[in-house]
N, C-alpha and C. Protein backbone atom coordinates (compact mmCIF):
# COMPACT_ATOMS: atom_id res chain seq x y z
N MET A 1 84.97 143.59 -28.64
CA MET A 1 85.23 144.12 -29.97
C MET A 1 85.55 142.99 -30.95
N LYS A 2 86.37 142.05 -30.51
CA LYS A 2 86.71 140.91 -31.37
C LYS A 2 85.47 140.10 -31.73
N ASN A 3 84.56 139.95 -30.73
CA ASN A 3 83.34 139.19 -30.99
C ASN A 3 82.47 139.88 -32.03
N ILE A 4 82.42 141.23 -31.96
CA ILE A 4 81.62 141.99 -32.93
C ILE A 4 82.19 141.82 -34.33
N ILE A 5 83.52 141.94 -34.43
CA ILE A 5 84.17 141.79 -35.73
C ILE A 5 83.94 140.39 -36.29
N LEU A 6 84.06 139.37 -35.41
CA LEU A 6 83.85 138.00 -35.85
C LEU A 6 82.42 137.78 -36.31
N THR A 7 81.45 138.36 -35.58
CA THR A 7 80.04 138.22 -35.95
C THR A 7 79.77 138.84 -37.31
N VAL A 8 80.28 140.05 -37.52
CA VAL A 8 80.10 140.74 -38.81
C VAL A 8 80.72 139.93 -39.94
N PHE A 9 81.91 139.37 -39.66
CA PHE A 9 82.59 138.57 -40.69
C PHE A 9 81.78 137.33 -41.05
N LEU A 10 81.23 136.65 -40.03
CA LEU A 10 80.46 135.43 -40.29
C LEU A 10 79.17 135.75 -41.04
N ILE A 11 78.50 136.85 -40.70
CA ILE A 11 77.28 137.24 -41.40
C ILE A 11 77.59 137.56 -42.85
N SER A 12 78.68 138.29 -43.08
CA SER A 12 79.07 138.63 -44.45
C SER A 12 79.40 137.38 -45.25
N LEU A 13 80.05 136.41 -44.60
CA LEU A 13 80.42 135.18 -45.26
C LEU A 13 79.18 134.39 -45.66
N LEU A 14 78.21 134.32 -44.77
CA LEU A 14 76.98 133.58 -45.05
C LEU A 14 76.20 134.22 -46.19
N LEU A 15 76.13 135.55 -46.19
CA LEU A 15 75.43 136.25 -47.25
C LEU A 15 76.10 136.05 -48.59
N ALA A 16 77.43 136.02 -48.58
CA ALA A 16 78.18 135.88 -49.82
C ALA A 16 78.11 134.48 -50.37
N CYS A 17 77.90 133.49 -49.50
CA CYS A 17 77.96 132.10 -49.93
C CYS A 17 76.72 131.67 -50.70
N SER A 18 75.57 132.27 -50.41
CA SER A 18 74.34 131.86 -51.08
C SER A 18 74.23 132.58 -52.42
N THR A 19 74.89 132.03 -53.43
CA THR A 19 74.96 132.69 -54.73
C THR A 19 74.74 131.70 -55.86
N THR A 20 74.25 132.23 -56.97
CA THR A 20 74.11 131.45 -58.20
C THR A 20 74.73 132.25 -59.33
N ARG A 21 75.55 131.60 -60.12
CA ARG A 21 76.18 132.30 -61.25
C ARG A 21 76.30 131.34 -62.42
N ILE A 22 76.35 131.91 -63.62
CA ILE A 22 76.59 131.11 -64.81
C ILE A 22 78.09 130.99 -65.04
N THR A 23 78.55 129.77 -65.14
CA THR A 23 79.98 129.55 -65.36
C THR A 23 80.33 129.48 -66.83
N SER A 24 79.38 129.09 -67.68
CA SER A 24 79.64 129.03 -69.12
C SER A 24 78.31 128.91 -69.85
N SER A 25 78.30 129.35 -71.10
CA SER A 25 77.11 129.19 -71.94
C SER A 25 77.55 129.08 -73.39
N TRP A 26 76.67 128.52 -74.21
CA TRP A 26 76.94 128.32 -75.63
C TRP A 26 75.64 128.43 -76.39
N SER A 27 75.68 129.02 -77.58
CA SER A 27 74.52 129.01 -78.46
C SER A 27 74.98 128.65 -79.86
N GLU A 28 74.11 128.02 -80.61
CA GLU A 28 74.47 127.59 -81.95
C GLU A 28 74.81 128.80 -82.81
N PRO A 29 75.98 128.83 -83.43
CA PRO A 29 76.39 129.99 -84.22
C PRO A 29 75.57 130.11 -85.51
N ASP A 30 75.43 131.37 -85.95
CA ASP A 30 74.79 131.65 -87.25
C ASP A 30 73.34 131.19 -87.31
N LYS A 31 72.70 131.13 -86.16
CA LYS A 31 71.28 130.78 -86.14
C LYS A 31 70.49 131.94 -85.54
N GLN A 32 69.29 132.15 -86.03
CA GLN A 32 68.46 133.26 -85.57
C GLN A 32 67.28 132.80 -84.73
N ILE A 33 67.30 131.56 -84.29
CA ILE A 33 66.20 131.04 -83.48
C ILE A 33 66.26 131.67 -82.09
N SER A 34 65.18 132.26 -81.66
CA SER A 34 65.09 132.76 -80.29
C SER A 34 64.04 131.95 -79.55
N ILE A 35 64.13 131.96 -78.26
CA ILE A 35 63.19 131.14 -77.49
C ILE A 35 61.77 131.67 -77.63
N ASP A 36 61.64 132.96 -77.99
CA ASP A 36 60.31 133.54 -78.19
C ASP A 36 59.61 132.94 -79.40
N GLN A 37 60.38 132.39 -80.32
CA GLN A 37 59.80 131.79 -81.52
C GLN A 37 59.25 130.39 -81.28
N LEU A 38 59.60 129.80 -80.15
CA LEU A 38 59.12 128.46 -79.84
C LEU A 38 57.72 128.56 -79.23
N LYS A 39 56.75 127.95 -79.85
CA LYS A 39 55.36 128.11 -79.46
C LYS A 39 54.89 127.09 -78.42
N LYS A 40 55.52 125.94 -78.40
CA LYS A 40 55.14 124.90 -77.43
C LYS A 40 56.42 124.23 -76.95
N VAL A 41 56.77 124.48 -75.69
CA VAL A 41 58.06 124.06 -75.15
C VAL A 41 57.86 123.09 -74.00
N LEU A 42 58.49 121.93 -74.11
CA LEU A 42 58.46 120.94 -73.03
C LEU A 42 59.57 121.25 -72.04
N VAL A 43 59.22 121.43 -70.77
CA VAL A 43 60.20 121.74 -69.72
C VAL A 43 60.43 120.49 -68.88
N VAL A 44 61.68 120.02 -68.86
CA VAL A 44 62.02 118.76 -68.19
C VAL A 44 63.13 118.99 -67.17
N ALA A 45 62.87 118.69 -65.91
CA ALA A 45 63.89 118.74 -64.86
C ALA A 45 64.24 117.32 -64.46
N LEU A 46 65.49 116.94 -64.64
CA LEU A 46 65.94 115.58 -64.31
C LEU A 46 66.60 115.60 -62.93
N PHE A 47 65.76 115.69 -61.91
CA PHE A 47 66.21 115.69 -60.53
C PHE A 47 65.62 114.51 -59.79
N LYS A 48 66.31 114.04 -58.78
CA LYS A 48 65.91 112.86 -58.03
C LYS A 48 64.59 113.08 -57.29
N ASN A 49 64.47 114.20 -56.62
CA ASN A 49 63.32 114.46 -55.76
C ASN A 49 62.15 115.01 -56.58
N GLU A 50 60.97 114.43 -56.38
CA GLU A 50 59.81 114.84 -57.16
C GLU A 50 59.43 116.29 -56.91
N THR A 51 59.50 116.72 -55.66
CA THR A 51 59.19 118.11 -55.34
C THR A 51 60.16 119.06 -56.03
N SER A 52 61.44 118.69 -56.06
CA SER A 52 62.45 119.51 -56.73
C SER A 52 62.17 119.60 -58.23
N ARG A 53 61.77 118.48 -58.82
CA ARG A 53 61.46 118.47 -60.25
C ARG A 53 60.29 119.41 -60.55
N HIS A 54 59.23 119.30 -59.76
CA HIS A 54 58.06 120.14 -59.98
C HIS A 54 58.41 121.62 -59.81
N LYS A 55 59.13 121.93 -58.75
CA LYS A 55 59.49 123.32 -58.49
C LYS A 55 60.36 123.87 -59.60
N SER A 56 61.34 123.10 -60.04
CA SER A 56 62.25 123.55 -61.09
C SER A 56 61.51 123.81 -62.39
N GLU A 57 60.63 122.90 -62.76
CA GLU A 57 59.89 123.06 -64.00
C GLU A 57 58.93 124.24 -63.92
N ASP A 58 58.30 124.42 -62.78
CA ASP A 58 57.38 125.56 -62.61
C ASP A 58 58.13 126.88 -62.70
N GLU A 59 59.31 126.95 -62.09
CA GLU A 59 60.09 128.19 -62.12
C GLU A 59 60.48 128.55 -63.55
N MET A 60 60.98 127.57 -64.31
CA MET A 60 61.39 127.85 -65.68
C MET A 60 60.18 128.15 -66.56
N ALA A 61 59.09 127.40 -66.37
CA ALA A 61 57.89 127.62 -67.17
C ALA A 61 57.33 129.03 -66.98
N GLY A 62 57.54 129.59 -65.80
CA GLY A 62 57.03 130.92 -65.52
C GLY A 62 57.63 132.00 -66.40
N TYR A 63 58.81 131.74 -66.98
CA TYR A 63 59.48 132.72 -67.84
C TYR A 63 59.08 132.55 -69.31
N LEU A 64 58.29 131.55 -69.63
CA LEU A 64 58.00 131.25 -71.03
C LEU A 64 56.64 131.75 -71.51
N LYS A 65 55.98 132.55 -70.71
CA LYS A 65 54.79 133.30 -71.12
C LYS A 65 53.70 132.42 -71.72
N GLY A 66 53.42 131.30 -71.04
CA GLY A 66 52.31 130.45 -71.44
C GLY A 66 52.61 129.42 -72.51
N SER A 67 53.84 129.38 -73.02
CA SER A 67 54.15 128.41 -74.07
C SER A 67 54.71 127.10 -73.53
N ALA A 68 54.89 127.01 -72.22
CA ALA A 68 55.55 125.84 -71.62
C ALA A 68 54.55 124.77 -71.19
N VAL A 69 55.00 123.53 -71.33
CA VAL A 69 54.29 122.37 -70.78
C VAL A 69 55.27 121.64 -69.88
N VAL A 70 54.93 121.51 -68.61
CA VAL A 70 55.84 120.86 -67.66
C VAL A 70 55.78 119.35 -67.84
N SER A 71 56.93 118.71 -67.67
CA SER A 71 57.00 117.27 -67.95
C SER A 71 56.19 116.44 -66.98
N TYR A 72 55.99 116.93 -65.74
CA TYR A 72 55.25 116.11 -64.78
C TYR A 72 53.77 116.01 -65.16
N ASP A 73 53.32 116.87 -66.07
CA ASP A 73 51.96 116.75 -66.59
C ASP A 73 51.90 115.98 -67.90
N TYR A 74 53.07 115.82 -68.54
CA TYR A 74 53.09 115.23 -69.88
C TYR A 74 53.78 113.87 -69.93
N LEU A 75 54.95 113.77 -69.32
CA LEU A 75 55.72 112.52 -69.36
C LEU A 75 55.28 111.61 -68.22
N ASN A 76 54.05 111.16 -68.29
CA ASN A 76 53.50 110.34 -67.21
C ASN A 76 53.82 108.87 -67.44
N ASP A 77 53.22 108.00 -66.65
CA ASP A 77 53.53 106.57 -66.70
C ASP A 77 53.15 105.92 -68.03
N SER A 78 52.21 106.54 -68.77
CA SER A 78 51.81 105.98 -70.05
C SER A 78 52.78 106.32 -71.17
N PHE A 79 53.72 107.20 -70.88
CA PHE A 79 54.71 107.62 -71.89
C PHE A 79 55.84 106.60 -71.94
N ASN A 80 56.16 106.14 -73.14
CA ASN A 80 57.19 105.12 -73.32
C ASN A 80 58.58 105.76 -73.33
N LYS A 81 59.30 105.61 -72.22
CA LYS A 81 60.63 106.20 -72.10
C LYS A 81 61.73 105.25 -72.54
N GLN A 82 61.36 104.07 -73.01
CA GLN A 82 62.33 103.04 -73.37
C GLN A 82 62.77 103.11 -74.83
N ASN A 83 62.17 104.00 -75.60
CA ASN A 83 62.41 104.02 -77.04
C ASN A 83 62.73 105.45 -77.48
N GLU A 84 63.98 105.69 -77.90
CA GLU A 84 64.39 107.03 -78.29
C GLU A 84 63.59 107.54 -79.49
N GLU A 85 63.41 106.70 -80.49
CA GLU A 85 62.65 107.10 -81.68
C GLU A 85 61.20 107.39 -81.32
N GLY A 86 60.67 106.59 -80.41
CA GLY A 86 59.30 106.82 -79.97
C GLY A 86 59.14 108.14 -79.24
N ILE A 87 60.14 108.52 -78.43
CA ILE A 87 60.12 109.81 -77.74
C ILE A 87 60.08 110.94 -78.76
N ARG A 88 60.96 110.86 -79.75
CA ARG A 88 61.04 111.90 -80.78
C ARG A 88 59.73 112.02 -81.55
N ASP A 89 59.18 110.89 -81.97
CA ASP A 89 57.94 110.91 -82.75
C ASP A 89 56.76 111.42 -81.93
N LYS A 90 56.72 111.05 -80.67
CA LYS A 90 55.60 111.44 -79.81
C LYS A 90 55.57 112.95 -79.59
N ILE A 91 56.71 113.54 -79.24
CA ILE A 91 56.70 114.98 -78.94
C ILE A 91 56.48 115.81 -80.21
N LYS A 92 56.95 115.30 -81.35
CA LYS A 92 56.67 116.01 -82.60
C LYS A 92 55.20 115.92 -82.95
N ALA A 93 54.61 114.75 -82.79
CA ALA A 93 53.20 114.55 -83.10
C ALA A 93 52.31 115.40 -82.21
N ASP A 94 52.76 115.67 -80.99
CA ASP A 94 51.97 116.46 -80.05
C ASP A 94 52.23 117.96 -80.20
N GLY A 95 52.97 118.35 -81.22
CA GLY A 95 53.10 119.76 -81.56
C GLY A 95 54.19 120.53 -80.86
N PHE A 96 55.10 119.85 -80.18
CA PHE A 96 56.20 120.57 -79.53
C PHE A 96 57.23 121.01 -80.57
N ASP A 97 57.69 122.26 -80.45
CA ASP A 97 58.78 122.71 -81.32
C ASP A 97 60.03 123.06 -80.53
N GLY A 98 59.98 122.92 -79.19
CA GLY A 98 61.15 123.18 -78.37
C GLY A 98 61.11 122.41 -77.07
N ALA A 99 62.26 122.28 -76.43
CA ALA A 99 62.35 121.63 -75.12
C ALA A 99 63.47 122.27 -74.32
N ILE A 100 63.25 122.39 -73.02
CA ILE A 100 64.28 122.87 -72.10
C ILE A 100 64.50 121.79 -71.06
N THR A 101 65.75 121.42 -70.86
CA THR A 101 66.08 120.43 -69.84
C THR A 101 66.96 121.05 -68.77
N MET A 102 66.77 120.61 -67.55
CA MET A 102 67.64 120.99 -66.43
C MET A 102 68.08 119.72 -65.73
N ARG A 103 69.38 119.66 -65.42
CA ARG A 103 69.91 118.45 -64.79
C ARG A 103 70.94 118.84 -63.75
N LEU A 104 70.87 118.21 -62.59
CA LEU A 104 71.84 118.46 -61.53
C LEU A 104 73.11 117.66 -61.79
N LEU A 105 74.24 118.35 -61.80
CA LEU A 105 75.54 117.70 -61.93
C LEU A 105 76.29 117.82 -60.62
N ASP A 106 76.87 116.71 -60.16
CA ASP A 106 77.72 116.77 -58.97
C ASP A 106 79.08 117.32 -59.39
N VAL A 107 79.45 118.43 -58.83
CA VAL A 107 80.67 119.11 -59.25
C VAL A 107 81.89 118.22 -59.08
N GLU A 108 81.96 117.48 -57.99
CA GLU A 108 83.16 116.72 -57.69
C GLU A 108 83.19 115.35 -58.38
N LYS A 109 82.02 114.78 -58.65
CA LYS A 109 82.02 113.39 -59.09
C LYS A 109 81.34 113.15 -60.43
N ASP A 110 80.80 114.18 -61.03
CA ASP A 110 80.17 114.01 -62.33
C ASP A 110 80.91 114.83 -63.37
N THR A 111 80.93 114.36 -64.61
CA THR A 111 81.61 115.06 -65.69
C THR A 111 80.72 116.14 -66.25
N ALA A 112 81.20 117.37 -66.27
CA ALA A 112 80.47 118.48 -66.87
C ALA A 112 81.10 118.81 -68.20
N TYR A 113 80.34 118.68 -69.28
CA TYR A 113 80.86 118.95 -70.61
C TYR A 113 80.85 120.44 -70.88
N SER A 114 81.98 121.00 -71.24
CA SER A 114 82.09 122.43 -71.49
C SER A 114 81.29 122.82 -72.71
N PRO A 115 80.44 123.85 -72.58
CA PRO A 115 79.64 124.27 -73.73
C PRO A 115 80.37 125.23 -74.65
N SER A 116 81.68 125.30 -74.59
CA SER A 116 82.42 126.23 -75.44
C SER A 116 82.36 125.82 -76.90
N ALA A 117 82.13 124.53 -77.16
CA ALA A 117 81.99 124.06 -78.55
C ALA A 117 81.09 122.84 -78.55
N ILE A 118 80.14 122.79 -79.45
CA ILE A 118 79.17 121.70 -79.47
C ILE A 118 79.87 120.37 -79.75
N ASN A 119 81.01 120.39 -80.41
CA ASN A 119 81.71 119.15 -80.72
C ASN A 119 82.25 118.46 -79.47
N SER A 120 82.30 119.20 -78.35
CA SER A 120 82.81 118.59 -77.12
C SER A 120 81.75 117.74 -76.43
N TYR A 121 80.51 117.82 -76.89
CA TYR A 121 79.44 117.04 -76.31
C TYR A 121 79.38 115.65 -76.95
N PRO A 122 78.99 114.63 -76.20
CA PRO A 122 78.73 113.34 -76.84
C PRO A 122 77.59 113.49 -77.81
N SER A 123 77.51 112.60 -78.78
CA SER A 123 76.54 112.76 -79.87
C SER A 123 75.10 112.80 -79.39
N TYR A 124 74.78 112.09 -78.30
CA TYR A 124 73.39 112.04 -77.88
C TYR A 124 72.90 113.36 -77.31
N TYR A 125 73.81 114.30 -76.96
CA TYR A 125 73.39 115.61 -76.48
C TYR A 125 72.70 116.42 -77.58
N ARG A 126 72.92 116.07 -78.81
CA ARG A 126 72.54 116.96 -79.90
C ARG A 126 71.08 116.91 -80.27
N SER A 127 70.32 115.99 -79.69
CA SER A 127 68.87 115.97 -79.89
C SER A 127 68.20 115.74 -78.55
N PHE A 128 66.99 116.28 -78.40
CA PHE A 128 66.27 116.14 -77.13
C PHE A 128 65.98 114.67 -76.82
N SER A 129 65.52 113.92 -77.84
CA SER A 129 65.15 112.53 -77.60
C SER A 129 66.34 111.70 -77.14
N GLY A 130 67.51 111.93 -77.75
CA GLY A 130 68.71 111.21 -77.33
C GLY A 130 69.12 111.56 -75.92
N TYR A 131 69.05 112.86 -75.59
CA TYR A 131 69.43 113.33 -74.26
C TYR A 131 68.49 112.76 -73.19
N TYR A 132 67.17 112.87 -73.45
CA TYR A 132 66.20 112.42 -72.45
C TYR A 132 66.26 110.92 -72.28
N TYR A 133 66.38 110.19 -73.39
CA TYR A 133 66.41 108.73 -73.36
C TYR A 133 67.54 108.21 -72.47
N ARG A 134 68.70 108.88 -72.52
CA ARG A 134 69.86 108.41 -71.77
C ARG A 134 69.95 108.95 -70.35
N ASN A 135 69.16 109.97 -70.01
CA ASN A 135 69.29 110.58 -68.70
C ASN A 135 68.10 110.39 -67.77
N TRP A 136 66.89 110.06 -68.32
CA TRP A 136 65.73 109.99 -67.44
C TRP A 136 65.88 108.96 -66.33
N PRO A 137 66.57 107.79 -66.53
CA PRO A 137 66.64 106.83 -65.42
C PRO A 137 67.41 107.34 -64.21
N PHE A 138 68.32 108.32 -64.41
CA PHE A 138 69.20 108.71 -63.33
C PHE A 138 68.51 109.48 -62.22
N TYR A 139 67.42 110.21 -62.55
CA TYR A 139 66.82 111.02 -61.49
C TYR A 139 66.04 110.17 -60.49
N SER A 140 65.87 108.88 -60.77
CA SER A 140 65.25 107.98 -59.79
C SER A 140 66.26 107.04 -59.16
N ASN A 141 67.54 107.28 -59.45
CA ASN A 141 68.61 106.43 -58.91
C ASN A 141 69.37 107.18 -57.83
N PRO A 142 69.18 106.82 -56.55
CA PRO A 142 69.82 107.55 -55.45
C PRO A 142 71.33 107.61 -55.56
N SER A 143 71.96 106.60 -56.16
CA SER A 143 73.42 106.57 -56.22
C SER A 143 73.98 107.64 -57.15
N TYR A 144 73.10 108.27 -57.94
CA TYR A 144 73.57 109.26 -58.91
C TYR A 144 73.80 110.62 -58.27
N TYR A 145 73.28 110.86 -57.08
CA TYR A 145 73.35 112.16 -56.43
C TYR A 145 74.23 112.10 -55.19
N PHE A 146 74.91 113.20 -54.91
CA PHE A 146 75.80 113.28 -53.76
C PHE A 146 75.56 114.60 -53.05
N THR A 147 75.77 114.58 -51.75
CA THR A 147 75.58 115.78 -50.96
C THR A 147 76.82 116.66 -51.08
N THR A 148 76.65 117.85 -51.60
CA THR A 148 77.74 118.81 -51.74
C THR A 148 77.25 120.19 -51.36
N LYS A 149 78.18 121.10 -51.18
CA LYS A 149 77.83 122.46 -50.86
C LYS A 149 77.65 123.32 -52.11
N THR A 150 78.19 122.86 -53.19
CA THR A 150 78.08 123.60 -54.44
C THR A 150 77.45 122.71 -55.49
N TYR A 151 76.41 123.23 -56.13
CA TYR A 151 75.66 122.46 -57.12
C TYR A 151 75.80 123.10 -58.50
N THR A 152 76.06 122.28 -59.48
CA THR A 152 76.08 122.74 -60.86
C THR A 152 74.86 122.18 -61.58
N VAL A 153 74.09 123.07 -62.19
CA VAL A 153 72.91 122.66 -62.94
C VAL A 153 73.12 123.00 -64.41
N GLU A 154 72.88 122.03 -65.25
CA GLU A 154 73.01 122.17 -66.70
C GLU A 154 71.62 122.46 -67.28
N THR A 155 71.52 123.54 -68.05
CA THR A 155 70.27 123.88 -68.72
C THR A 155 70.49 123.85 -70.22
N ASN A 156 69.71 123.05 -70.93
CA ASN A 156 69.81 122.94 -72.38
C ASN A 156 68.50 123.37 -73.04
N VAL A 157 68.61 124.00 -74.20
CA VAL A 157 67.43 124.32 -75.01
C VAL A 157 67.56 123.60 -76.34
N TYR A 158 66.50 122.89 -76.71
CA TYR A 158 66.50 122.12 -77.96
C TYR A 158 65.44 122.65 -78.91
N SER A 159 65.76 122.65 -80.20
CA SER A 159 64.76 122.84 -81.24
C SER A 159 64.26 121.45 -81.63
N ILE A 160 62.99 121.20 -81.41
CA ILE A 160 62.43 119.90 -81.76
C ILE A 160 62.32 119.76 -83.27
N LYS A 161 61.95 120.84 -83.96
CA LYS A 161 61.82 120.78 -85.41
C LYS A 161 63.15 120.44 -86.07
N GLU A 162 64.24 121.06 -85.59
CA GLU A 162 65.56 120.78 -86.16
C GLU A 162 66.24 119.60 -85.49
N ASP A 163 65.65 119.13 -84.37
CA ASP A 163 66.16 117.97 -83.63
C ASP A 163 67.62 118.17 -83.22
N LYS A 164 67.90 119.34 -82.59
CA LYS A 164 69.27 119.62 -82.17
C LYS A 164 69.29 120.61 -81.00
N ILE A 165 70.39 120.60 -80.28
CA ILE A 165 70.59 121.55 -79.21
C ILE A 165 70.94 122.91 -79.81
N ILE A 166 70.35 124.00 -79.25
CA ILE A 166 70.62 125.33 -79.79
C ILE A 166 71.14 126.31 -78.74
N TRP A 167 71.06 125.94 -77.46
CA TRP A 167 71.60 126.81 -76.40
C TRP A 167 71.84 125.96 -75.16
N THR A 168 72.89 126.28 -74.43
CA THR A 168 73.17 125.54 -73.19
C THR A 168 73.95 126.42 -72.23
N ALA A 169 73.81 126.14 -70.95
CA ALA A 169 74.55 126.88 -69.92
C ALA A 169 74.74 126.02 -68.69
N LEU A 170 75.79 126.29 -67.97
CA LEU A 170 76.05 125.68 -66.66
C LEU A 170 75.94 126.77 -65.60
N THR A 171 75.16 126.49 -64.56
CA THR A 171 75.07 127.40 -63.43
C THR A 171 75.66 126.73 -62.20
N GLU A 172 76.24 127.53 -61.35
CA GLU A 172 76.86 127.03 -60.13
C GLU A 172 76.24 127.76 -58.94
N THR A 173 75.66 126.99 -58.02
CA THR A 173 75.02 127.56 -56.83
C THR A 173 75.77 127.10 -55.59
N THR A 174 76.17 128.07 -54.78
CA THR A 174 76.92 127.78 -53.56
C THR A 174 76.02 127.91 -52.35
N ASN A 175 75.99 126.86 -51.53
CA ASN A 175 75.20 126.84 -50.30
C ASN A 175 73.78 127.34 -50.51
N PRO A 176 72.99 126.68 -51.34
CA PRO A 176 71.63 127.14 -51.60
C PRO A 176 70.76 127.06 -50.35
N ASN A 177 69.91 128.06 -50.19
CA ASN A 177 69.00 128.09 -49.05
C ASN A 177 67.69 127.39 -49.40
N GLY A 178 67.78 126.10 -49.70
CA GLY A 178 66.60 125.32 -50.05
C GLY A 178 66.40 125.23 -51.55
N VAL A 179 65.63 124.26 -51.96
CA VAL A 179 65.39 124.00 -53.38
C VAL A 179 64.66 125.16 -54.04
N ASP A 180 63.63 125.70 -53.36
CA ASP A 180 62.84 126.77 -53.94
C ASP A 180 63.72 127.97 -54.30
N LYS A 181 64.56 128.38 -53.36
CA LYS A 181 65.41 129.54 -53.59
C LYS A 181 66.43 129.25 -54.68
N MET A 182 67.01 128.06 -54.68
CA MET A 182 68.02 127.72 -55.68
C MET A 182 67.42 127.74 -57.07
N MET A 183 66.26 127.12 -57.27
CA MET A 183 65.67 127.05 -58.59
C MET A 183 65.16 128.41 -59.06
N ASN A 184 64.69 129.23 -58.12
CA ASN A 184 64.29 130.59 -58.47
C ASN A 184 65.49 131.37 -58.98
N ASP A 185 66.62 131.22 -58.30
CA ASP A 185 67.84 131.93 -58.70
C ASP A 185 68.35 131.42 -60.05
N ILE A 186 68.33 130.10 -60.25
CA ILE A 186 68.82 129.53 -61.50
C ILE A 186 67.97 129.99 -62.68
N ALA A 187 66.65 129.91 -62.54
CA ALA A 187 65.77 130.35 -63.62
C ALA A 187 65.99 131.82 -63.94
N SER A 188 66.23 132.61 -62.91
CA SER A 188 66.44 134.05 -63.10
C SER A 188 67.74 134.34 -63.84
N VAL A 189 68.84 133.73 -63.41
CA VAL A 189 70.13 134.04 -64.04
C VAL A 189 70.19 133.47 -65.46
N VAL A 190 69.55 132.32 -65.69
CA VAL A 190 69.52 131.75 -67.04
C VAL A 190 68.73 132.65 -67.97
N TYR A 191 67.58 133.12 -67.51
CA TYR A 191 66.76 133.99 -68.34
C TYR A 191 67.49 135.30 -68.67
N LYS A 192 68.18 135.86 -67.67
CA LYS A 192 68.93 137.09 -67.90
C LYS A 192 70.06 136.88 -68.91
N ARG A 193 70.73 135.74 -68.84
CA ARG A 193 71.80 135.46 -69.80
C ARG A 193 71.21 135.29 -71.21
N MET A 194 70.06 134.62 -71.31
CA MET A 194 69.42 134.47 -72.61
C MET A 194 69.09 135.83 -73.22
N LYS A 195 68.59 136.75 -72.39
CA LYS A 195 68.27 138.10 -72.88
C LYS A 195 69.54 138.81 -73.31
N LYS A 196 70.59 138.69 -72.51
CA LYS A 196 71.85 139.36 -72.82
C LYS A 196 72.43 138.89 -74.14
N GLU A 197 72.28 137.60 -74.42
CA GLU A 197 72.83 137.03 -75.64
C GLU A 197 71.87 137.14 -76.84
N GLY A 198 70.70 137.74 -76.63
CA GLY A 198 69.76 137.90 -77.72
C GLY A 198 68.96 136.65 -78.01
N PHE A 199 69.03 135.67 -77.14
CA PHE A 199 68.28 134.43 -77.34
C PHE A 199 66.82 134.62 -76.94
N VAL A 200 66.58 135.65 -76.11
CA VAL A 200 65.23 136.06 -75.73
C VAL A 200 65.10 137.54 -76.07
N ASN A 201 63.98 137.92 -76.68
CA ASN A 201 63.76 139.32 -77.00
C ASN A 201 63.73 140.16 -75.73
N LYS A 202 64.24 141.38 -75.81
CA LYS A 202 64.32 142.26 -74.63
C LYS A 202 63.07 143.07 -74.40
N ASN A 203 62.06 142.89 -75.23
CA ASN A 203 60.82 143.65 -75.07
C ASN A 203 60.06 143.20 -73.81
């Protein structure tokens, strides 16, 4: 009997541990921009592993109804990542009006900026070019990532035309069952939160 109870408890614990939830979100006040209004959106996942980056970008792009361009097809070796102004000019010239970034934060060893107020972010967060310019080197640096049981992923939405951040959220995933499942869950909960907040039309 004790063994049965212990088995049931362990199964329940395992099922409960594989979860993804949004811990906080922020959207620019007094603005009516919705993600549906963005016609060409660059999706960028700043993760160390190439497979993880591709999977993450594909999952998020799937919710954007054909308006997304994944960074692994666009930000190739010919793209100059060394110049912030060049990044901004290039994506504007190529017709992008929005960008979505995803970045893995180590819960224990990395600083997570609370999205409760945009003023709490460092200044470079406020534009896509500034954010990408300062963060792209980290996803190829092994020392930037740590093995943990709980992963926090930061998702930001930028208006390229206004050159500013307009929505952000932090998701927390406990004991993910592989990259595919984790990114599927993150894209799903982020999209649901966007709909709930009116950032995505409910039609």
